[in-house]
Each structure stands twice: as C-alpha cells, then as structure tokens.
C-alpha atoms as a PDB file:
ATOM      1  CA  MET A   1       1.652  18.016 -25.031  1.00  0.00           C
ATOM      2  CA  ARG A   2       1.603  14.984 -27.231  1.00  0.00           C
ATOM      3  CA  THR A   3      -0.704  14.975 -30.269  1.00  0.00           C
ATOM      4  CA  GLY A   4      -2.081  12.555 -32.583  1.00  0.00           C
ATOM      5  CA  ILE A   5      -3.519  12.953 -36.048  1.00  0.00           C
ATOM      6  CA  ARG A   6      -7.026  12.184 -37.270  1.00  0.00           C
ATOM      7  CA  ILE A   7      -7.889  12.371 -40.920  1.00  0.00           C
ATOM      8  CA  HIS A   8     -11.597  12.907 -41.888  1.00  0.00           C
ATOM      9  CA  GLY A   9     -13.154  12.704 -45.302  1.00  0.00           C
ATOM     10  CA  LEU A  10     -14.018  10.208 -48.029  1.00  0.00           C
ATOM     11  CA  ASP A  11     -10.753  10.429 -49.859  1.00  0.00           C
ATOM     12  CA  ALA A  12      -8.627  10.837 -46.703  1.00  0.00           C
ATOM     13  CA  PRO A  13      -6.268   7.983 -47.497  1.00  0.00           C
ATOM     14  CA  HIS A  14      -5.626   9.070 -51.059  1.00  0.00           C
ATOM     15  CA  PHE A  15      -4.356  12.678 -50.762  1.00  0.00           C
ATOM     16  CA  ALA A  16      -5.099  13.640 -54.333  1.00  0.00           C
ATOM     17  CA  PRO A  17      -2.473  16.310 -55.212  1.00  0.00           C
ATOM     18  CA  ARG A  18       0.863  15.029 -56.318  1.00  0.00           C
ATOM     19  CA  GLY A  19       2.790  17.420 -53.974  1.00  0.00           C
ATOM     20  CA  ALA A  20       0.578  16.401 -51.173  1.00  0.00           C
ATOM     21  CA  PRO A  21       3.005  13.913 -49.548  1.00  0.00           C
ATOM     22  CA  ALA A  22       5.534  16.696 -49.083  1.00  0.00           C
ATOM     23  CA  TRP A  23       3.271  19.077 -47.460  1.00  0.00           C
ATOM     24  CA  ILE A  24       1.710  16.538 -45.352  1.00  0.00           C
ATOM     25  CA  ALA A  25       5.058  15.352 -44.137  1.00  0.00           C
ATOM     26  CA  ALA A  26       6.011  18.957 -43.491  1.00  0.00           C
ATOM     27  CA  ALA A  27       2.727  19.517 -41.625  1.00  0.00           C
ATOM     28  CA  LEU A  28       3.102  16.507 -39.557  1.00  0.00           C
ATOM     29  CA  LEU A  29       6.690  17.548 -38.571  1.00  0.00           C
ATOM     30  CA  GLY A  30       5.360  21.007 -37.767  1.00  0.00           C
ATOM     31  CA  PHE A  31       7.183  22.749 -40.512  1.00  0.00           C
ATOM     32  CA  ALA A  32       4.206  24.026 -42.252  1.00  0.00           C
ATOM     33  CA  PRO A  33       0.796  25.355 -40.952  1.00  0.00           C
ATOM     34  CA  LEU A  34      -2.217  23.362 -41.574  1.00  0.00           C
ATOM     35  CA  GLY A  35      -5.085  25.259 -43.204  1.00  0.00           C
ATOM     36  CA  ALA A  36      -7.815  23.083 -41.848  1.00  0.00           C
ATOM     37  CA  SER A  37      -6.465  22.572 -38.312  1.00  0.00           C
ATOM     38  CA  THR A  38      -8.797  22.808 -35.413  1.00  0.00           C
ATOM     39  CA  ALA A  39      -5.999  22.821 -32.939  1.00  0.00           C
ATOM     40  CA  ALA A  40      -5.582  26.655 -33.270  1.00  0.00           C
ATOM     41  CA  SER A  41      -9.248  27.501 -32.725  1.00  0.00           C
ATOM     42  CA  PRO A  42     -11.357  24.604 -31.542  1.00  0.00           C
ATOM     43  CA  ASP A  43     -14.552  26.547 -31.780  1.00  0.00           C
ATOM     44  CA  ALA A  44     -14.118  27.567 -35.480  1.00  0.00           C
ATOM     45  CA  PRO A  45     -15.633  25.214 -38.166  1.00  0.00           C
ATOM     46  CA  ALA A  46     -13.165  23.238 -40.164  1.00  0.00           C
ATOM     47  CA  SER A  47     -12.716  24.449 -43.742  1.00  0.00           C
ATOM     48  CA  THR A  48     -12.052  21.789 -46.278  1.00  0.00           C
ATOM     49  CA  GLU A  49     -11.174  24.247 -48.990  1.00  0.00           C
ATOM     50  CA  ALA A  50      -7.983  25.412 -47.166  1.00  0.00           C
ATOM     51  CA  ALA A  51      -6.669  21.769 -47.065  1.00  0.00           C
ATOM     52  CA  GLY A  52      -6.879  21.520 -50.863  1.00  0.00           C
ATOM     53  CA  SER A  53      -9.063  18.258 -50.737  1.00  0.00           C
ATOM     54  CA  SER A  54     -12.048  16.918 -48.888  1.00  0.00           C
ATOM     55  CA  ALA A  55      -9.690  15.545 -46.259  1.00  0.00           C
ATOM     56  CA  VAL A  56      -9.644  17.311 -42.864  1.00  0.00           C
ATOM     57  CA  ILE A  57      -6.557  16.766 -40.678  1.00  0.00           C
ATOM     58  CA  GLU A  58      -7.190  17.442 -37.055  1.00  0.00           C
ATOM     59  CA  LEU A  59      -4.503  17.264 -34.243  1.00  0.00           C
ATOM     60  CA  VAL A  60      -5.931  15.893 -31.132  1.00  0.00           C
ATOM     61  CA  PRO A  61      -4.262  15.392 -27.805  1.00  0.00           C
ATOM     62  CA  LEU A  62      -3.492  11.881 -26.634  1.00  0.00           C
ATOM     63  CA  GLN A  63      -4.105  10.660 -23.179  1.00  0.00           C
ATOM     64  CA  THR A  64      -1.077   9.182 -21.473  1.00  0.00           C
ATOM     65  CA  THR A  65      -1.707   5.775 -19.942  1.00  0.00           C
ATOM     66  CA  PRO A  66       0.482   3.620 -17.845  1.00  0.00           C
ATOM     67  CA  ASP A  67       1.541   1.422 -20.612  1.00  0.00           C
ATOM     68  CA  THR A  68       2.534   4.307 -22.888  1.00  0.00           C
ATOM     69  CA  ALA A  69       4.473   6.015 -20.313  1.00  0.00           C
ATOM     70  CA  ALA A  70       8.315   5.806 -20.323  1.00  0.00           C
ATOM     71  CA  PRO A  71       9.666   3.122 -18.223  1.00  0.00           C
ATOM     72  CA  ALA A  72      11.526   4.085 -14.973  1.00  0.00           C
ATOM     73  CA  ILE A  73      15.374   4.100 -15.338  1.00  0.00           C
ATOM     74  CA  SER A  74      17.080   2.177 -12.806  1.00  0.00           C
ATOM     75  CA  ASP A  75      20.792   2.184 -11.761  1.00  0.00           C
ATOM     76  CA  GLU A  76      20.671  -1.702 -11.400  1.00  0.00           C
ATOM     77  CA  ALA A  77      22.559  -3.805 -13.900  1.00  0.00           C
ATOM     78  CA  PRO A  78      20.277  -5.476 -16.309  1.00  0.00           C
ATOM     79  CA  ALA A  79      19.106  -8.896 -15.394  1.00  0.00           C
ATOM     80  CA  PRO A  80      20.692 -11.764 -17.252  1.00  0.00           C
ATOM     81  CA  SER A  81      18.592 -13.225 -20.027  1.00  0.00           C
ATOM     82  CA  ALA A  82      16.663 -16.268 -19.127  1.00  0.00           C
ATOM     83  CA  PRO A  83      17.647 -19.461 -20.991  1.00  0.00           C
ATOM     84  CA  GLN A  84      15.699 -20.237 -24.137  1.00  0.00           C
ATOM     85  CA  GLU A  85      13.730 -23.512 -24.107  1.00  0.00           C
ATOM     86  CA  ALA A  86      12.687 -25.649 -27.142  1.00  0.00           C
ATOM     87  CA  VAL A  87       9.949 -28.063 -26.376  1.00  0.00           C
ATOM     88  CA  LEU A  88      10.522 -31.562 -27.460  1.00  0.00           C
ATOM     89  CA  GLY A  89       7.119 -32.934 -26.673  1.00  0.00           C
ATOM     90  CA  ARG A  90       5.223 -35.268 -24.187  1.00  0.00           C
ATOM     91  CA  GLY A  91       5.917 -38.775 -23.436  1.00  0.00           C
ATOM     92  CA  SER A  92       6.241 -41.240 -20.707  1.00  0.00           C
ATOM     93  CA  ALA A  93       9.160 -41.169 -18.187  1.00  0.00           C
ATOM     94  CA  SER A  94      10.475 -43.712 -15.718  1.00  0.00           C
ATOM     95  CA  TYR A  95      13.474 -43.873 -13.306  1.00  0.00           C
ATOM     96  CA  TYR A  96      16.576 -45.954 -13.019  1.00  0.00           C
ATOM     97  CA  ALA A  97      16.491 -49.042 -10.616  1.00  0.00           C
ATOM     98  CA  GLY A  98      18.836 -48.943  -7.697  1.00  0.00           C
ATOM     99  CA  LYS A  99      20.958 -51.696  -9.259  1.00  0.00           C
ATOM    100  CA  PHE A 100      22.444 -49.322 -11.764  1.00  0.00           C
ATOM    101  CA  HIS A 101      23.967 -46.991  -9.204  1.00  0.00           C
ATOM    102  CA  GLY A 102      27.793 -46.914  -9.706  1.00  0.00           C
ATOM    103  CA  ARG A 103      27.631 -48.583 -13.154  1.00  0.00           C
ATOM    104  CA  ARG A 104      29.135 -46.908 -16.163  1.00  0.00           C
ATOM    105  CA  THR A 105      26.785 -44.932 -18.478  1.00  0.00           C
ATOM    106  CA  ALA A 106      27.093 -44.732 -22.221  1.00  0.00           C
ATOM    107  CA  SER A 107      28.851 -41.363 -21.852  1.00  0.00           C
ATOM    108  CA  GLY A 108      31.611 -43.139 -19.716  1.00  0.00           C
ATOM    109  CA  GLU A 109      30.831 -41.557 -16.344  1.00  0.00           C
ATOM    110  CA  ARG A 110      29.566 -43.505 -13.337  1.00  0.00           C
ATOM    111  CA  PHE A 111      25.918 -43.357 -12.734  1.00  0.00           C
ATOM    112  CA  ASP A 112      24.837 -41.580  -9.517  1.00  0.00           C
ATOM    113  CA  ASN A 113      21.208 -42.116  -8.489  1.00  0.00           C
ATOM    114  CA  GLY A 114      21.513 -39.031  -6.305  1.00  0.00           C
ATOM    115  CA  ALA A 115      22.413 -36.689  -9.240  1.00  0.00           C
ATOM    116  CA  MET A 116      20.031 -34.835 -11.723  1.00  0.00           C
ATOM    117  CA  THR A 117      20.781 -36.909 -14.733  1.00  0.00           C
ATOM    118  CA  ALA A 118      18.876 -38.796 -17.290  1.00  0.00           C
ATOM    119  CA  ALA A 119      18.963 -41.104 -20.290  1.00  0.00           C
ATOM    120  CA  HIS A 120      17.493 -40.227 -23.863  1.00  0.00           C
ATOM    121  CA  ARG A 121      17.806 -42.143 -27.043  1.00  0.00           C
ATOM    122  CA  THR A 122      19.061 -39.268 -29.350  1.00  0.00           C
ATOM    123  CA  LEU A 123      20.017 -36.123 -27.405  1.00  0.00           C
ATOM    124  CA  PRO A 124      23.699 -35.361 -27.241  1.00  0.00           C
ATOM    125  CA  PHE A 125      25.551 -36.015 -23.889  1.00  0.00           C
ATOM    126  CA  GLY A 126      25.568 -32.927 -21.757  1.00  0.00           C
ATOM    127  CA  THR A 127      22.348 -31.554 -23.017  1.00  0.00           C
ATOM    128  CA  LEU A 128      20.257 -29.805 -20.286  1.00  0.00           C
ATOM    129  CA  VAL A 129      16.552 -30.777 -20.419  1.00  0.00           C
ATOM    130  CA  ARG A 130      13.676 -29.419 -18.351  1.00  0.00           C
ATOM    131  CA  VAL A 131      11.414 -32.367 -17.401  1.00  0.00           C
ATOM    132  CA  THR A 132       7.912 -31.307 -16.230  1.00  0.00           C
ATOM    133  CA  ASN A 133       5.484 -33.804 -14.685  1.00  0.00           C
ATOM    134  CA  VAL A 134       2.217 -33.028 -16.559  1.00  0.00           C
ATOM    135  CA  ALA A 135       0.033 -34.354 -13.666  1.00  0.00           C
ATOM    136  CA  ASN A 136       1.341 -32.131 -10.907  1.00  0.00           C
ATOM    137  CA  GLY A 137       3.399 -29.296 -12.703  1.00  0.00           C
ATOM    138  CA  ARG A 138       6.625 -30.100 -10.983  1.00  0.00           C
ATOM    139  CA  SER A 139       9.709 -29.675 -13.047  1.00  0.00           C
ATOM    140  CA  VAL A 140      13.609 -30.388 -12.788  1.00  0.00           C
ATOM    141  CA  ILE A 141      16.524 -29.709 -14.962  1.00  0.00           C
ATOM    142  CA  VAL A 142      18.523 -32.915 -15.794  1.00  0.00           C
ATOM    143  CA  ARG A 143      21.697 -33.520 -17.813  1.00  0.00           C
ATOM    144  CA  ILE A 144      21.651 -36.298 -20.474  1.00  0.00           C
ATOM    145  CA  ASN A 145      24.464 -38.660 -19.700  1.00  0.00           C
ATOM    146  CA  ASP A 146      23.270 -42.082 -20.850  1.00  0.00           C
ATOM    147  CA  ARG A 147      21.266 -43.795 -23.594  1.00  0.00           C
ATOM    148  CA  GLY A 148      17.822 -45.239 -23.272  1.00  0.00           C
ATOM    149  CA  PRO A 149      15.094 -45.948 -22.258  1.00  0.00           C
ATOM    150  CA  PHE A 150      14.932 -49.298 -23.975  1.00  0.00           C
ATOM    151  CA  THR A 151      11.406 -49.811 -22.949  1.00  0.00           C
ATOM    152  CA  ARG A 152       8.800 -49.310 -25.749  1.00  0.00           C
ATOM    153  CA  GLY A 153       6.771 -46.238 -25.266  1.00  0.00           C
ATOM    154  CA  ARG A 154       9.126 -44.378 -22.837  1.00  0.00           C
ATOM    155  CA  MET A 155      10.744 -41.124 -23.833  1.00  0.00           C
ATOM    156  CA  ILE A 156      13.247 -40.608 -20.971  1.00  0.00           C
ATOM    157  CA  ASP A 157      14.694 -42.250 -17.861  1.00  0.00           C
ATOM    158  CA  VAL A 158      15.572 -39.935 -15.087  1.00  0.00           C
ATOM    159  CA  SER A 159      17.646 -40.633 -11.914  1.00  0.00           C
ATOM    160  CA  ARG A 160      15.972 -41.527  -8.684  1.00  0.00           C
ATOM    161  CA  ALA A 161      16.627 -37.989  -7.176  1.00  0.00           C
ATOM    162  CA  ALA A 162      14.926 -36.389 -10.340  1.00  0.00           C
ATOM    163  CA  ALA A 163      11.979 -38.828 -10.096  1.00  0.00           C
ATOM    164  CA  SER A 164      11.590 -38.055  -6.449  1.00  0.00           C
ATOM    165  CA  GLU A 165      11.449 -34.239  -7.160  1.00  0.00           C
ATOM    166  CA  LEU A 166       9.061 -34.899 -10.133  1.00  0.00           C
ATOM    167  CA  GLY A 167       6.636 -37.108  -7.956  1.00  0.00           C
ATOM    168  CA  LEU A 168       7.213 -40.231 -10.103  1.00  0.00           C
ATOM    169  CA  VAL A 169       8.562 -42.624  -7.447  1.00  0.00           C
ATOM    170  CA  ALA A 170       5.139 -43.895  -6.183  1.00  0.00           C
ATOM    171  CA  ARG A 171       3.865 -45.068  -9.622  1.00  0.00           C
ATOM    172  CA  GLY A 172       7.331 -45.725 -11.140  1.00  0.00           C
ATOM    173  CA  HIS A 173       6.480 -43.790 -14.317  1.00  0.00           C
ATOM    174  CA  GLY A 174       4.383 -40.782 -15.520  1.00  0.00           C
ATOM    175  CA  MET A 175       3.556 -38.446 -18.347  1.00  0.00           C
ATOM    176  CA  VAL A 176       6.171 -35.667 -18.758  1.00  0.00           C
ATOM    177  CA  GLU A 177       6.941 -32.773 -21.095  1.00  0.00           C
ATOM    178  CA  LEU A 178      10.532 -32.310 -22.212  1.00  0.00           C
ATOM    179  CA  ALA A 179      12.104 -28.960 -23.256  1.00  0.00           C
ATOM    180  CA  ILE A 180      15.755 -28.543 -24.174  1.00  0.00           C
ATOM    181  CA  ILE A 181      17.384 -25.699 -22.353  1.00  0.00           C
ATOM    182  CA  ALA A 182      19.860 -23.524 -24.635  1.00  0.00           C
ATOM    183  CA  ASP A 183      21.799 -20.563 -23.200  1.00  0.00           C
END
C-alpha cells in the first residue's frame, strides 16, 4: 500500500528541535517509529507530546489514479522522435509562375514546378520549412532552393505543387505561417 504524509499543526513546517531532520527522515523512510502516528491505531487520538512538537505526522493511504499508475511496458521499439519545429512567423505567400519552370534557381538547380520547393530571402538552401495556410489549416513541407520573393510584403514563394496543396492557387497568394523543421 502506498502512503502519503500529512503534517498538522501551527509549527509543522518549522520542526523546532535541531535533531528533528534526522528523525523525520528516518521516520519517513520507515527506520524509526512515529510516536504520533495514527496509522497503527486509527481510533486512538493523536498525541502531540510523543512527537516532540505541536506537529502531528499522519500517514494516509493514497488513491491510485490512472495518471499515477505505471505505464504499460511494450516490446515494441520506441517511436522515433518527431522533428522539432521553430516558428518563424506569419506572412504572405505566393507561388511561381509557369514561365520559371526549368530555369536555374539561386542554388544552381533547375526549378521544377511539380516539386515541393520554395524561395526565401535569408534561409539557407536545403532548409526544410513547414508552410501552413492560416485560412484552411493545410500544410506542406518545402525545401528552400531559391532566393525571393522580391515582391514587397511577401514572405515566401512556393512551387505550384505546394501552392496547390495549400489551396493558394485560386487567389494567387495567401497568409501562411512558417516553421523551420530541425531533426
């Protein structure tokens, strides 16, 4: 049976005698009997003289609840940890026009409007970014491979494939939240 400790009395937190911490620790660990314990005889009145101060220490049973119960042990391998994300903020996003398909990006690779890529002004090439459309909650993960956008007020340009997944194609732009994904 698990037990908890209740301390009653005006000077309960103080424990007046100097040797008190030693005998309290021993009592808590079960090495010394408690003079004022009601655990031995619940019907007997508690005596404050036996404890040496006006504090009364009482051992009480604790109820086990589902959140205090030990977790079940499984034979499965532990799940890999989820990637950590650092939120960059919110801003406007747009997508590349079809005329840029096949052209070289700032990173040197050819732009593919069907790939999940994006342009950002300052993030390093190869950075993975979760882009979430604030209006509908859809999100995609894109890889930064270009510089831009060069339109004032825009935070990121995404490929047509990413814009389609986000639901940005109809309007051409939208408010998004960016979060860097770090493994």
